[in-house]
């Protein structure tokens, strides 16, 4: 597994590449934070 930070509209989103499955996994909390324009991850977790 390879962990990496991706940027979406200059906002960080944590990702992980699983070589065996050849798939990316994304942090849902980070995605919700960016899409709902939350100021921090606590707001995204409550969403």
C-alpha atoms as a PDB file:
ATOM      1  CA  UNK A   1       0.000   0.000   0.000  1.00  0.00           C
ATOM      2  CA  UNK A   2       1.286   3.448  -0.913  1.00  0.00           C
ATOM      3  CA  UNK A   3      -0.057   6.460   0.982  1.00  0.00           C
ATOM      4  CA  UNK A   4      -0.160   9.783  -0.815  1.00  0.00           C
ATOM      5  CA  UNK A   5      -1.748  13.216  -0.513  1.00  0.00           C
ATOM      6  CA  UNK A   6      -3.716  14.352  -3.580  1.00  0.00           C
ATOM      7  CA  UNK A   7      -4.897  17.916  -4.091  1.00  0.00           C
ATOM      8  CA  UNK A   8      -8.382  18.903  -5.207  1.00  0.00           C
ATOM      9  CA  UNK A   9      -8.888  22.635  -5.614  1.00  0.00           C
ATOM     10  CA  UNK A  10      -5.741  23.141  -3.494  1.00  0.00           C
ATOM     11  CA  UNK A  11      -7.215  21.090  -0.632  1.00  0.00           C
ATOM     12  CA  UNK A  12      -5.426  17.929   0.578  1.00  0.00           C
ATOM     13  CA  UNK A  13      -7.157  14.557   0.284  1.00  0.00           C
ATOM     14  CA  UNK A  14      -5.509  11.500   1.788  1.00  0.00           C
ATOM     15  CA  UNK A  15      -5.287   8.540  -0.579  1.00  0.00           C
ATOM     16  CA  UNK A  16      -3.847   5.043  -0.592  1.00  0.00           C
ATOM     17  CA  UNK A  17      -2.873   2.905  -3.584  1.00  0.00           C
ATOM     18  CA  UNK A  18      -3.255  -0.854  -3.060  1.00  0.00           C
ATOM     19  CA  UNK A  19      -0.943  -2.551  -5.525  1.00  0.00           C
ATOM     20  CA  UNK A  20      -2.515  -6.030  -5.246  1.00  0.00           C
ATOM     21  CA  UNK A  21      -5.994  -4.691  -6.039  1.00  0.00           C
ATOM     22  CA  UNK A  22      -4.772  -1.921  -8.375  1.00  0.00           C
ATOM     23  CA  UNK A  23      -7.203   0.527  -6.752  1.00  0.00           C
ATOM     24  CA  UNK A  24      -7.049   3.941  -5.121  1.00  0.00           C
ATOM     25  CA  UNK A  25      -8.774   4.491  -1.780  1.00  0.00           C
ATOM     26  CA  UNK A  26      -9.752   8.006  -0.684  1.00  0.00           C
ATOM     27  CA  UNK A  27     -10.447   9.448   2.750  1.00  0.00           C
ATOM     28  CA  UNK A  28     -14.187  10.105   2.738  1.00  0.00           C
ATOM     29  CA  UNK A  29     -13.830  12.662   5.527  1.00  0.00           C
ATOM     30  CA  UNK A  30     -11.361  14.644   3.395  1.00  0.00           C
ATOM     31  CA  UNK A  31     -13.642  14.454   0.337  1.00  0.00           C
ATOM     32  CA  UNK A  32     -16.686  15.617   2.341  1.00  0.00           C
ATOM     33  CA  UNK A  33     -14.606  18.438   3.858  1.00  0.00           C
ATOM     34  CA  UNK A  34     -13.647  19.747   0.416  1.00  0.00           C
ATOM     35  CA  UNK A  35     -17.050  19.309  -1.209  1.00  0.00           C
ATOM     36  CA  UNK A  36     -18.992  20.919   1.658  1.00  0.00           C
ATOM     37  CA  UNK A  37     -16.321  23.584   2.239  1.00  0.00           C
ATOM     38  CA  UNK A  38     -15.963  22.704   5.926  1.00  0.00           C
ATOM     39  CA  UNK A  39     -13.243  24.630   7.783  1.00  0.00           C
ATOM     40  CA  UNK A  40     -11.923  21.466   9.477  1.00  0.00           C
ATOM     41  CA  UNK A  41     -12.334  17.695   9.531  1.00  0.00           C
ATOM     42  CA  UNK A  42     -14.549  17.779  12.643  1.00  0.00           C
ATOM     43  CA  UNK A  43     -17.288  19.514  10.650  1.00  0.00           C
ATOM     44  CA  UNK A  44     -16.918  16.958   7.857  1.00  0.00           C
ATOM     45  CA  UNK A  45     -17.158  14.051  10.324  1.00  0.00           C
ATOM     46  CA  UNK A  46     -20.399  15.456  11.732  1.00  0.00           C
ATOM     47  CA  UNK A  47     -21.797  15.930   8.243  1.00  0.00           C
END
